Amino acid sequence: MKSKQYAVVRLKGFNVQMPELADECHLRQPRVGDVATIVEIYLEPAGYELECSDGGGITQWLMAFGLGDVELELVQ
């Protein structure tokens, strides 16, 4: 999937075991089906910083993923 910064994506699956998140930036774990925004694209090593927010704009989780860590689909 060719992605751009600030594109909206849906998480289709994980290819790695997700770490347990427990801090003020992570109200819950990422889940398949979550809709998130690509807030940064990394080149070395290649990957994405994704942010998932609720309907009120409160960040539910903010996490960096390597390109092979997660399967994404672009939300139109």
C-alpha atoms as a PDB file:
ATOM      1  CA  MET A   1       0.000   0.000   0.000  1.00  0.00           C
ATOM      2  CA  LYS A   2       1.421   3.394  -1.027  1.00  0.00           C
ATOM      3  CA  SER A   3       0.700   5.794   1.817  1.00  0.00           C
ATOM      4  CA  LYS A   4       0.973   9.499   2.461  1.00  0.00           C
ATOM      5  CA  GLN A   5       1.274  11.423   5.688  1.00  0.00           C
ATOM      6  CA  TYR A   6      -2.165  12.158   7.209  1.00  0.00           C
ATOM      7  CA  ALA A   7      -3.851   9.410   5.199  1.00  0.00           C
ATOM      8  CA  VAL A   8      -6.620   7.591   7.062  1.00  0.00           C
ATOM      9  CA  VAL A   9      -6.167   3.823   7.251  1.00  0.00           C
ATOM     10  CA  ARG A  10      -7.898   0.792   8.772  1.00  0.00           C
ATOM     11  CA  LEU A  11      -5.907  -1.907  10.574  1.00  0.00           C
ATOM     12  CA  LYS A  12      -6.555  -5.242   8.849  1.00  0.00           C
ATOM     13  CA  GLY A  13      -4.179  -7.391  10.864  1.00  0.00           C
ATOM     14  CA  PHE A  14      -0.973  -7.675  12.854  1.00  0.00           C
ATOM     15  CA  ASN A  15       2.090  -9.678  11.812  1.00  0.00           C
ATOM     16  CA  VAL A  16       3.850  -9.275  15.176  1.00  0.00           C
ATOM     17  CA  GLN A  17       2.868  -9.774  18.801  1.00  0.00           C
ATOM     18  CA  MET A  18       1.620  -6.466  20.173  1.00  0.00           C
ATOM     19  CA  PRO A  19       3.357  -5.233  23.347  1.00  0.00           C
ATOM     20  CA  GLU A  20       1.243  -4.439  26.405  1.00  0.00           C
ATOM     21  CA  LEU A  21       0.639  -0.684  26.466  1.00  0.00           C
ATOM     22  CA  ALA A  22       0.150   1.102  29.776  1.00  0.00           C
ATOM     23  CA  ASP A  23       0.712   4.849  29.864  1.00  0.00           C
ATOM     24  CA  GLU A  24      -1.089   8.145  29.341  1.00  0.00           C
ATOM     25  CA  CYS A  25      -0.683   7.975  25.530  1.00  0.00           C
ATOM     26  CA  HIS A  26      -2.380   4.594  25.233  1.00  0.00           C
ATOM     27  CA  LEU A  27      -5.903   4.326  26.601  1.00  0.00           C
ATOM     28  CA  ARG A  28      -6.236   0.900  24.968  1.00  0.00           C
ATOM     29  CA  GLN A  29      -4.475  -1.614  22.740  1.00  0.00           C
ATOM     30  CA  PRO A  30      -4.652  -1.294  18.930  1.00  0.00           C
ATOM     31  CA  ARG A  31      -7.221  -3.702  17.449  1.00  0.00           C
ATOM     32  CA  VAL A  32      -8.052  -5.062  14.024  1.00  0.00           C
ATOM     33  CA  GLY A  33     -10.665  -2.747  12.520  1.00  0.00           C
ATOM     34  CA  ASP A  34      -9.348   0.426  14.179  1.00  0.00           C
ATOM     35  CA  VAL A  35      -9.242   3.515  11.974  1.00  0.00           C
ATOM     36  CA  ALA A  36      -6.079   5.585  12.390  1.00  0.00           C
ATOM     37  CA  THR A  37      -4.178   8.468  10.811  1.00  0.00           C
ATOM     38  CA  ILE A  38      -0.621   8.157   9.518  1.00  0.00           C
ATOM     39  CA  VAL A  39       1.067  10.989  11.424  1.00  0.00           C
ATOM     40  CA  GLU A  40       4.616  10.188  10.282  1.00  0.00           C
ATOM     41  CA  ILE A  41       6.306   8.006   7.669  1.00  0.00           C
ATOM     42  CA  TYR A  42       9.785   6.723   8.514  1.00  0.00           C
ATOM     43  CA  LEU A  43      12.387   5.782   5.909  1.00  0.00           C
ATOM     44  CA  GLU A  44      15.152   4.164   8.017  1.00  0.00           C
ATOM     45  CA  PRO A  45      13.920   1.811   9.253  1.00  0.00           C
ATOM     46  CA  ALA A  46      10.797   1.985   7.112  1.00  0.00           C
ATOM     47  CA  GLY A  47       7.526   2.293   8.985  1.00  0.00           C
ATOM     48  CA  TYR A  48       4.624   4.425  10.159  1.00  0.00           C
ATOM     49  CA  GLU A  49       3.538   6.337  13.247  1.00  0.00           C
ATOM     50  CA  LEU A  50      -0.213   5.789  13.581  1.00  0.00           C
ATOM     51  CA  GLU A  51      -2.694   7.593  15.822  1.00  0.00           C
ATOM     52  CA  CYS A  52      -6.168   6.295  16.588  1.00  0.00           C
ATOM     53  CA  SER A  53      -8.648   8.764  18.124  1.00  0.00           C
ATOM     54  CA  ASP A  54     -12.235   8.408  19.302  1.00  0.00           C
ATOM     55  CA  GLY A  55     -15.174  10.456  17.977  1.00  0.00           C
ATOM     56  CA  GLY A  56     -14.351  13.260  20.418  1.00  0.00           C
ATOM     57  CA  GLY A  57     -10.752  13.545  19.219  1.00  0.00           C
ATOM     58  CA  ILE A  58      -9.210  11.835  22.266  1.00  0.00           C
ATOM     59  CA  THR A  59      -6.163   9.743  21.339  1.00  0.00           C
ATOM     60  CA  GLN A  60      -6.808   6.070  22.092  1.00  0.00           C
ATOM     61  CA  TRP A  61      -3.323   4.947  21.075  1.00  0.00           C
ATOM     62  CA  LEU A  62      -0.267   6.334  19.287  1.00  0.00           C
ATOM     63  CA  MET A  63       2.274   3.809  18.059  1.00  0.00           C
ATOM     64  CA  ALA A  64       5.096   3.246  15.580  1.00  0.00           C
ATOM     65  CA  PHE A  65       4.908   0.176  13.335  1.00  0.00           C
ATOM     66  CA  GLY A  66       7.464  -1.288  10.940  1.00  0.00           C
ATOM     67  CA  LEU A  67       6.208  -1.828   7.383  1.00  0.00           C
ATOM     68  CA  GLY A  68       5.827  -5.559   7.943  1.00  0.00           C
ATOM     69  CA  ASP A  69       4.297  -5.273  11.416  1.00  0.00           C
ATOM     70  CA  VAL A  70       0.767  -4.351  10.411  1.00  0.00           C
ATOM     71  CA  GLU A  71      -1.586  -4.771   7.449  1.00  0.00           C
ATOM     72  CA  LEU A  72      -3.355  -1.541   6.483  1.00  0.00           C
ATOM     73  CA  GLU A  73      -6.011  -0.504   4.004  1.00  0.00           C
ATOM     74  CA  LEU A  74      -6.627   3.046   2.865  1.00  0.00           C
ATOM     75  CA  VAL A  75      -9.987   4.484   3.979  1.00  0.00           C
ATOM     76  CA  GLN A  76     -11.617   6.448   1.159  1.00  0.00           C
END
